[in-house]
Amino acid sequence: MIQPGQTYRRYDRTENATIRIRIESFTPGHNHAWVVDADTGKRARWVLIRNLHASRVTKTGQPRRTGYVLEQPTPGPKDQM
């Protein structure tokens, strides 16, 4: 489930860099989430949720070639103690 505070990453082969984003807001039922750059908090933009993935591999076990992969789930109440 997509929640504010989660961090996602994507490796950009053209720039040879890792791009990290943080979810700022998401309304369940909508097809997009408002994100910012995870490191700077800048570059706010909309991202389609179909591009946000919980796993680095597809259902067939192949590595993902597109989209963002969940890097850090939102901590739950037990994790904050």
PDB file of N, CA and C in Angstrom:
ATOM      1  N   MET A   1       0.831  -1.176   0.000  1.00  0.00           N
ATOM      2  CA  MET A   1       0.000   0.000   0.000  1.00  0.00           C
ATOM      3  C   MET A   1       0.881   1.248   0.000  1.00  0.00           C
ATOM      4  N   ILE A   2       0.550   2.173  -0.816  1.00  0.00           N
ATOM      5  CA  ILE A   2       1.314   3.413  -0.930  1.00  0.00           C
ATOM      6  C   ILE A   2       0.907   4.353   0.197  1.00  0.00           C
ATOM      7  N   GLN A   3       1.921   4.890   0.903  1.00  0.00           N
ATOM      8  CA  GLN A   3       1.673   5.793   2.022  1.00  0.00           C
ATOM      9  C   GLN A   3       2.690   6.925   2.006  1.00  0.00           C
ATOM     10  N   PRO A   4       2.277   8.108   2.489  1.00  0.00           N
ATOM     11  CA  PRO A   4       3.235   9.215   2.594  1.00  0.00           C
ATOM     12  C   PRO A   4       4.433   8.816   3.453  1.00  0.00           C
ATOM     13  N   GLY A   5       5.605   9.265   3.055  1.00  0.00           N
ATOM     14  CA  GLY A   5       6.839   8.968   3.774  1.00  0.00           C
ATOM     15  C   GLY A   5       7.635   7.826   3.179  1.00  0.00           C
ATOM     16  N   GLN A   6       7.015   7.014   2.330  1.00  0.00           N
ATOM     17  CA  GLN A   6       7.748   5.913   1.700  1.00  0.00           C
ATOM     18  C   GLN A   6       8.768   6.466   0.711  1.00  0.00           C
ATOM     19  N   THR A   7       9.875   5.759   0.591  1.00  0.00           N
ATOM     20  CA  THR A   7      10.938   6.147  -0.336  1.00  0.00           C
ATOM     21  C   THR A   7      11.059   5.087  -1.421  1.00  0.00           C
ATOM     22  N   TYR A   8      11.143   5.548  -2.663  1.00  0.00           N
ATOM     23  CA  TYR A   8      11.303   4.665  -3.822  1.00  0.00           C
ATOM     24  C   TYR A   8      12.560   5.084  -4.568  1.00  0.00           C
ATOM     25  N   ARG A   9      13.147   4.131  -5.292  1.00  0.00           N
ATOM     26  CA  ARG A   9      14.340   4.461  -6.076  1.00  0.00           C
ATOM     27  C   ARG A   9      14.239   3.873  -7.474  1.00  0.00           C
ATOM     28  N   ARG A  10      14.961   4.491  -8.388  1.00  0.00           N
ATOM     29  CA  ARG A  10      15.026   4.033  -9.779  1.00  0.00           C
ATOM     30  C   ARG A  10      16.440   4.277 -10.269  1.00  0.00           C
ATOM     31  N   TYR A  11      16.977   3.297 -10.944  1.00  0.00           N
ATOM     32  CA  TYR A  11      18.301   3.445 -11.533  1.00  0.00           C
ATOM     33  C   TYR A  11      18.134   3.949 -12.955  1.00  0.00           C
ATOM     34  N   ASP A  12      18.745   5.072 -13.258  1.00  0.00           N
ATOM     35  CA  ASP A  12      18.664   5.663 -14.585  1.00  0.00           C
ATOM     36  C   ASP A  12      19.938   5.309 -15.346  1.00  0.00           C
ATOM     37  N   ARG A  13      19.820   4.390 -16.296  1.00  0.00           N
ATOM     38  CA  ARG A  13      20.998   3.935 -17.045  1.00  0.00           C
ATOM     39  C   ARG A  13      21.587   5.025 -17.922  1.00  0.00           C
ATOM     40  N   THR A  14      20.751   5.927 -18.434  1.00  0.00           N
ATOM     41  CA  THR A  14      21.265   6.965 -19.325  1.00  0.00           C
ATOM     42  C   THR A  14      22.162   7.947 -18.577  1.00  0.00           C
ATOM     43  N   GLU A  15      21.862   8.196 -17.299  1.00  0.00           N
ATOM     44  CA  GLU A  15      22.667   9.126 -16.509  1.00  0.00           C
ATOM     45  C   GLU A  15      23.599   8.398 -15.550  1.00  0.00           C
ATOM     46  N   ASN A  16      23.510   7.056 -15.514  1.00  0.00           N
ATOM     47  CA  ASN A  16      24.318   6.248 -14.606  1.00  0.00           C
ATOM     48  C   ASN A  16      24.151   6.743 -13.162  1.00  0.00           C
ATOM     49  N   ALA A  17      22.891   6.918 -12.753  1.00  0.00           N
ATOM     50  CA  ALA A  17      22.613   7.451 -11.428  1.00  0.00           C
ATOM     51  C   ALA A  17      21.356   6.803 -10.854  1.00  0.00           C
ATOM     52  N   THR A  18      21.231   6.872  -9.538  1.00  0.00           N
ATOM     53  CA  THR A  18      20.037   6.393  -8.864  1.00  0.00           C
ATOM     54  C   THR A  18      19.172   7.593  -8.510  1.00  0.00           C
ATOM     55  N   ILE A  19      17.901   7.525  -8.851  1.00  0.00           N
ATOM     56  CA  ILE A  19      16.961   8.593  -8.562  1.00  0.00           C
ATOM     57  C   ILE A  19      16.072   8.118  -7.423  1.00  0.00           C
ATOM     58  N   ARG A  20      15.980   8.907  -6.354  1.00  0.00           N
ATOM     59  CA  ARG A  20      15.169   8.544  -5.197  1.00  0.00           C
ATOM     60  C   ARG A  20      14.046   9.557  -5.029  1.00  0.00           C
ATOM     61  N   ILE A  21      12.839   9.055  -4.773  1.00  0.00           N
ATOM     62  CA  ILE A  21      11.690   9.920  -4.536  1.00  0.00           C
ATOM     63  C   ILE A  21      11.024   9.536  -3.219  1.00  0.00           C
ATOM     64  N   ARG A  22      10.319  10.498  -2.612  1.00  0.00           N
ATOM     65  CA  ARG A  22       9.577  10.268  -1.381  1.00  0.00           C
ATOM     66  C   ARG A  22       8.119  10.648  -1.631  1.00  0.00           C
ATOM     67  N   ILE A  23       7.205   9.808  -1.189  1.00  0.00           N
ATOM     68  CA  ILE A  23       5.779  10.081  -1.330  1.00  0.00           C
ATOM     69  C   ILE A  23       5.394  11.174  -0.337  1.00  0.00           C
ATOM     70  N   GLU A  24       4.851  12.265  -0.836  1.00  0.00           N
ATOM     71  CA  GLU A  24       4.375  13.350   0.021  1.00  0.00           C
ATOM     72  C   GLU A  24       2.894  13.198   0.318  1.00  0.00           C
ATOM     73  N   SER A  25       2.114  12.831  -0.703  1.00  0.00           N
ATOM     74  CA  SER A  25       0.683  12.614  -0.475  1.00  0.00           C
ATOM     75  C   SER A  25       0.132  11.638  -1.502  1.00  0.00           C
ATOM     76  N   PHE A  26      -0.856  10.891  -1.052  1.00  0.00           N
ATOM     77  CA  PHE A  26      -1.532   9.933  -1.924  1.00  0.00           C
ATOM     78  C   PHE A  26      -2.942   9.736  -1.394  1.00  0.00           C
ATOM     79  N   THR A  27      -3.917   9.790  -2.289  1.00  0.00           N
ATOM     80  CA  THR A  27      -5.306   9.545  -1.930  1.00  0.00           C
ATOM     81  C   THR A  27      -5.706   8.192  -2.497  1.00  0.00           C
ATOM     82  N   PRO A  28      -6.069   7.235  -1.636  1.00  0.00           N
ATOM     83  CA  PRO A  28      -6.494   5.924  -2.148  1.00  0.00           C
ATOM     84  C   PRO A  28      -7.619   6.073  -3.163  1.00  0.00           C
ATOM     85  N   GLY A  29      -7.505   5.329  -4.244  1.00  0.00           N
ATOM     86  CA  GLY A  29      -8.478   5.403  -5.327  1.00  0.00           C
ATOM     87  C   GLY A  29      -8.013   6.265  -6.483  1.00  0.00           C
ATOM     88  N   HIS A  30      -7.024   7.122  -6.245  1.00  0.00           N
ATOM     89  CA  HIS A  30      -6.472   7.943  -7.322  1.00  0.00           C
ATOM     90  C   HIS A  30      -5.354   7.170  -8.020  1.00  0.00           C
ATOM     91  N   ASN A  31      -5.029   7.568  -9.241  1.00  0.00           N
ATOM     92  CA  ASN A  31      -4.020   6.844 -10.004  1.00  0.00           C
ATOM     93  C   ASN A  31      -2.657   7.525  -9.988  1.00  0.00           C
ATOM     94  N   HIS A  32      -2.461   8.489  -9.092  1.00  0.00           N
ATOM     95  CA  HIS A  32      -1.194   9.208  -9.026  1.00  0.00           C
ATOM     96  C   HIS A  32      -0.871   9.575  -7.576  1.00  0.00           C
ATOM     97  N   ALA A  33       0.405   9.846  -7.342  1.00  0.00           N
ATOM     98  CA  ALA A  33       0.873  10.268  -6.018  1.00  0.00           C
ATOM     99  C   ALA A  33       1.741  11.510  -6.199  1.00  0.00           C
ATOM    100  N   TRP A  34       1.713  12.396  -5.220  1.00  0.00           N
ATOM    101  CA  TRP A  34       2.543  13.599  -5.228  1.00  0.00           C
ATOM    102  C   TRP A  34       3.868  13.240  -4.572  1.00  0.00           C
ATOM    103  N   VAL A  35       4.981  13.415  -5.294  1.00  0.00           N
ATOM    104  CA  VAL A  35       6.298  13.018  -4.796  1.00  0.00           C
ATOM    105  C   VAL A  35       7.269  14.177  -4.862  1.00  0.00           C
ATOM    106  N   VAL A  36       8.346  14.062  -4.085  1.00  0.00           N
ATOM    107  CA  VAL A  36       9.462  15.017  -4.121  1.00  0.00           C
ATOM    108  C   VAL A  36      10.755  14.225  -4.160  1.00  0.00           C
ATOM    109  N   ASP A  37      11.837  14.893  -4.498  1.00  0.00           N
ATOM    110  CA  ASP A  37      13.158  14.279  -4.462  1.00  0.00           C
ATOM    111  C   ASP A  37      13.456  13.889  -3.015  1.00  0.00           C
ATOM    112  N   ALA A  38      13.842  12.632  -2.781  1.00  0.00           N
ATOM    113  CA  ALA A  38      14.030  12.124  -1.417  1.00  0.00           C
ATOM    114  C   ALA A  38      15.182  12.811  -0.685  1.00  0.00           C
ATOM    115  N   ASP A  39      16.192  13.232  -1.400  1.00  0.00           N
ATOM    116  CA  ASP A  39      17.361  13.814  -0.750  1.00  0.00           C
ATOM    117  C   ASP A  39      17.204  15.305  -0.468  1.00  0.00           C
ATOM    118  N   THR A  40      16.569  16.027  -1.390  1.00  0.00           N
ATOM    119  CA  THR A  40      16.500  17.483  -1.250  1.00  0.00           C
ATOM    120  C   THR A  40      15.112  17.995  -0.889  1.00  0.00           C
ATOM    121  N   GLY A  41      14.075  17.208  -1.132  1.00  0.00           N
ATOM    122  CA  GLY A  41      12.713  17.673  -0.897  1.00  0.00           C
ATOM    123  C   GLY A  41      12.212  18.601  -1.990  1.00  0.00           C
ATOM    124  N   LYS A  42      12.972  18.731  -3.069  1.00  0.00           N
ATOM    125  CA  LYS A  42      12.600  19.615  -4.186  1.00  0.00           C
ATOM    126  C   LYS A  42      12.077  18.783  -5.350  1.00  0.00           C
ATOM    127  N   ARG A  43      11.776  19.413  -6.452  1.00  0.00           N
ATOM    128  CA  ARG A  43      11.265  18.798  -7.683  1.00  0.00           C
ATOM    129  C   ARG A  43       9.948  18.062  -7.432  1.00  0.00           C
ATOM    130  N   ALA A  44       9.001  18.736  -6.820  1.00  0.00           N
ATOM    131  CA  ALA A  44       7.688  18.135  -6.574  1.00  0.00           C
ATOM    132  C   ALA A  44       6.999  17.854  -7.913  1.00  0.00           C
ATOM    133  N   ARG A  45       6.343  16.676  -7.986  1.00  0.00           N
ATOM    134  CA  ARG A  45       5.684  16.289  -9.227  1.00  0.00           C
ATOM    135  C   ARG A  45       4.729  15.129  -8.971  1.00  0.00           C
ATOM    136  N   TRP A  46       3.865  14.858  -9.946  1.00  0.00           N
ATOM    137  CA  TRP A  46       2.954  13.720  -9.902  1.00  0.00           C
ATOM    138  C   TRP A  46       3.627  12.518 -10.534  1.00  0.00           C
ATOM    139  N   VAL A  47       3.413  11.335  -9.952  1.00  0.00           N
ATOM    140  CA  VAL A  47       3.898  10.080 -10.514  1.00  0.00           C
ATOM    141  C   VAL A  47       2.716   9.112 -10.530  1.00  0.00           C
ATOM    142  N   LEU A  48       2.535   8.421 -11.651  1.00  0.00           N
ATOM    143  CA  LEU A  48       1.480   7.418 -11.733  1.00  0.00           C
ATOM    144  C   LEU A  48       1.814   6.249 -10.811  1.00  0.00           C
ATOM    145  N   ILE A  49       0.824   5.775 -10.069  1.00  0.00           N
ATOM    146  CA  ILE A  49       1.098   4.708  -9.100  1.00  0.00           C
ATOM    147  C   ILE A  49       1.417   3.386  -9.772  1.00  0.00           C
ATOM    148  N   ARG A  50       1.071   3.235 -11.031  1.00  0.00           N
ATOM    149  CA  ARG A  50       1.436   1.989 -11.720  1.00  0.00           C
ATOM    150  C   ARG A  50       2.946   1.889 -11.914  1.00  0.00           C
ATOM    151  N   ASN A  51       3.673   2.986 -11.695  1.00  0.00           N
ATOM    152  CA  ASN A  51       5.132   2.984 -11.798  1.00  0.00           C
ATOM    153  C   ASN A  51       5.817   2.746 -10.453  1.00  0.00           C
ATOM    154  N   LEU A  52       5.036   2.552  -9.382  1.00  0.00           N
ATOM    155  CA  LEU A  52       5.585   2.318  -8.045  1.00  0.00           C
ATOM    156  C   LEU A  52       5.423   0.838  -7.706  1.00  0.00           C
ATOM    157  N   HIS A  53       6.538   0.167  -7.424  1.00  0.00           N
ATOM    158  CA  HIS A  53       6.534  -1.285  -7.217  1.00  0.00           C
ATOM    159  C   HIS A  53       7.122  -1.643  -5.855  1.00  0.00           C
ATOM    160  N   ALA A  54       6.583  -2.689  -5.234  1.00  0.00           N
ATOM    161  CA  ALA A  54       7.075  -3.152  -3.937  1.00  0.00           C
ATOM    162  C   ALA A  54       8.291  -4.064  -4.077  1.00  0.00           C
ATOM    163  N   SER A  55       8.512  -4.638  -5.260  1.00  0.00           N
ATOM    164  CA  SER A  55       9.583  -5.611  -5.447  1.00  0.00           C
ATOM    165  C   SER A  55      10.461  -5.233  -6.643  1.00  0.00           C
ATOM    166  N   ARG A  56      11.718  -5.647  -6.588  1.00  0.00           N
ATOM    167  CA  ARG A  56      12.647  -5.388  -7.699  1.00  0.00           C
ATOM    168  C   ARG A  56      12.447  -6.338  -8.861  1.00  0.00           C
ATOM    169  N   VAL A  57      11.663  -7.386  -8.657  1.00  0.00           N
ATOM    170  CA  VAL A  57      11.448  -8.364  -9.724  1.00  0.00           C
ATOM    171  C   VAL A  57       9.970  -8.426 -10.099  1.00  0.00           C
ATOM    172  N   THR A  58       9.709  -8.849 -11.330  1.00  0.00           N
ATOM    173  CA  THR A  58       8.339  -9.007 -11.804  1.00  0.00           C
ATOM    174  C   THR A  58       7.769 -10.333 -11.316  1.00  0.00           C
ATOM    175  N   LYS A  59       6.521 -10.599 -11.641  1.00  0.00           N
ATOM    176  CA  LYS A  59       5.886 -11.862 -11.238  1.00  0.00           C
ATOM    177  C   LYS A  59       6.601 -13.070 -11.835  1.00  0.00           C
ATOM    178  N   THR A  60       7.257 -12.886 -12.979  1.00  0.00           N
ATOM    179  CA  THR A  60       7.972 -13.987 -13.628  1.00  0.00           C
ATOM    180  C   THR A  60       9.408 -14.124 -13.131  1.00  0.00           C
ATOM    181  N   GLY A  61       9.828 -13.260 -12.191  1.00  0.00           N
ATOM    182  CA  GLY A  61      11.173 -13.348 -11.627  1.00  0.00           C
ATOM    183  C   GLY A  61      12.224 -12.529 -12.366  1.00  0.00           C
ATOM    184  N   GLN A  62      11.822 -11.790 -13.380  1.00  0.00           N
ATOM    185  CA  GLN A  62      12.763 -10.960 -14.133  1.00  0.00           C
ATOM    186  C   GLN A  62      12.968  -9.623 -13.418  1.00  0.00           C
ATOM    187  N   PRO A  63      14.165  -9.050 -13.483  1.00  0.00           N
ATOM    188  CA  PRO A  63      14.389  -7.732 -12.880  1.00  0.00           C
ATOM    189  C   PRO A  63      13.563  -6.664 -13.599  1.00  0.00           C
ATOM    190  N   ARG A  64      13.060  -5.714 -12.839  1.00  0.00           N
ATOM    191  CA  ARG A  64      12.285  -4.621 -13.435  1.00  0.00           C
ATOM    192  C   ARG A  64      13.198  -3.718 -14.248  1.00  0.00           C
ATOM    193  N   ARG A  65      12.685  -3.262 -15.378  1.00  0.00           N
ATOM    194  CA  ARG A  65      13.442  -2.348 -16.239  1.00  0.00           C
ATOM    195  C   ARG A  65      12.901  -0.928 -16.184  1.00  0.00           C
ATOM    196  N   THR A  66      11.701  -0.765 -15.650  1.00  0.00           N
ATOM    197  CA  THR A  66      11.083   0.558 -15.579  1.00  0.00           C
ATOM    198  C   THR A  66      10.462   0.755 -14.203  1.00  0.00           C
ATOM    199  N   GLY A  67      10.140   1.984 -13.896  1.00  0.00           N
ATOM    200  CA  GLY A  67       9.430   2.304 -12.666  1.00  0.00           C
ATOM    201  C   GLY A  67      10.342   2.490 -11.467  1.00  0.00           C
ATOM    202  N   TYR A  68       9.708   2.653 -10.325  1.00  0.00           N
ATOM    203  CA  TYR A  68      10.396   2.880  -9.065  1.00  0.00           C
ATOM    204  C   TYR A  68      10.156   1.691  -8.140  1.00  0.00           C
ATOM    205  N   VAL A  69      11.158   1.318  -7.356  1.00  0.00           N
ATOM    206  CA  VAL A  69      11.071   0.179  -6.436  1.00  0.00           C
ATOM    207  C   VAL A  69      11.091   0.705  -5.005  1.00  0.00           C
ATOM    208  N   LEU A  70      10.227   0.151  -4.160  1.00  0.00           N
ATOM    209  CA  LEU A  70      10.146   0.563  -2.763  1.00  0.00           C
ATOM    210  C   LEU A  70      11.481   0.322  -2.068  1.00  0.00           C
ATOM    211  N   GLU A  71      11.999   1.379  -1.488  1.00  0.00           N
ATOM    212  CA  GLU A  71      13.284   1.305  -0.793  1.00  0.00           C
ATOM    213  C   GLU A  71      13.079   1.241   0.712  1.00  0.00           C
ATOM    214  N   GLN A  72      12.159   2.036   1.212  1.00  0.00           N
ATOM    215  CA  GLN A  72      11.946   2.131   2.646  1.00  0.00           C
ATOM    216  C   GLN A  72      10.455   2.215   2.926  1.00  0.00           C
ATOM    217  N   PRO A  73       9.874   1.156   3.485  1.00  0.00           N
ATOM    218  CA  PRO A  73       8.455   1.239   3.830  1.00  0.00           C
ATOM    219  C   PRO A  73       8.222   2.234   4.963  1.00  0.00           C
ATOM    220  N   THR A  74       7.006   2.713   5.088  1.00  0.00           N
ATOM    221  CA  THR A  74       6.655   3.618   6.176  1.00  0.00           C
ATOM    222  C   THR A  74       6.711   2.852   7.486  1.00  0.00           C
ATOM    223  N   PRO A  75       7.421   3.371   8.505  1.00  0.00           N
ATOM    224  CA  PRO A  75       7.500   2.656   9.766  1.00  0.00           C
ATOM    225  C   PRO A  75       6.129   2.590  10.447  1.00  0.00           C
ATOM    226  N   GLY A  76       5.821   1.410  10.987  1.00  0.00           N
ATOM    227  CA  GLY A  76       4.579   1.232  11.709  1.00  0.00           C
ATOM    228  C   GLY A  76       4.750   1.625  13.168  1.00  0.00           C
ATOM    229  N   PRO A  77       3.682   1.570  13.959  1.00  0.00           N
ATOM    230  CA  PRO A  77       3.768   1.960  15.378  1.00  0.00           C
ATOM    231  C   PRO A  77       4.781   1.135  16.160  1.00  0.00           C
ATOM    232  N   LYS A  78       4.925  -0.162  15.834  1.00  0.00           N
ATOM    233  CA  LYS A  78       5.888  -1.018  16.543  1.00  0.00           C
ATOM    234  C   LYS A  78       7.320  -0.618  16.218  1.00  0.00           C
ATOM    235  N   ASP A  79       7.561  -0.172  14.974  1.00  0.00           N
ATOM    236  CA  ASP A  79       8.913   0.158  14.529  1.00  0.00           C
ATOM    237  C   ASP A  79       9.421   1.466  15.119  1.00  0.00           C
ATOM    238  N   GLN A  80       8.535   2.320  15.605  1.00  0.00           N
ATOM    239  CA  GLN A  80       8.946   3.639  16.083  1.00  0.00           C
ATOM    240  C   GLN A  80       9.428   3.609  17.526  1.00  0.00           C
ATOM    241  N   MET A  81       9.244   2.527  18.233  1.00  0.00           N
ATOM    242  CA  MET A  81       9.659   2.457  19.642  1.00  0.00           C
ATOM    243  C   MET A  81      11.102   2.084  19.784  1.00  0.00           C
TER     244      MET A  81
END
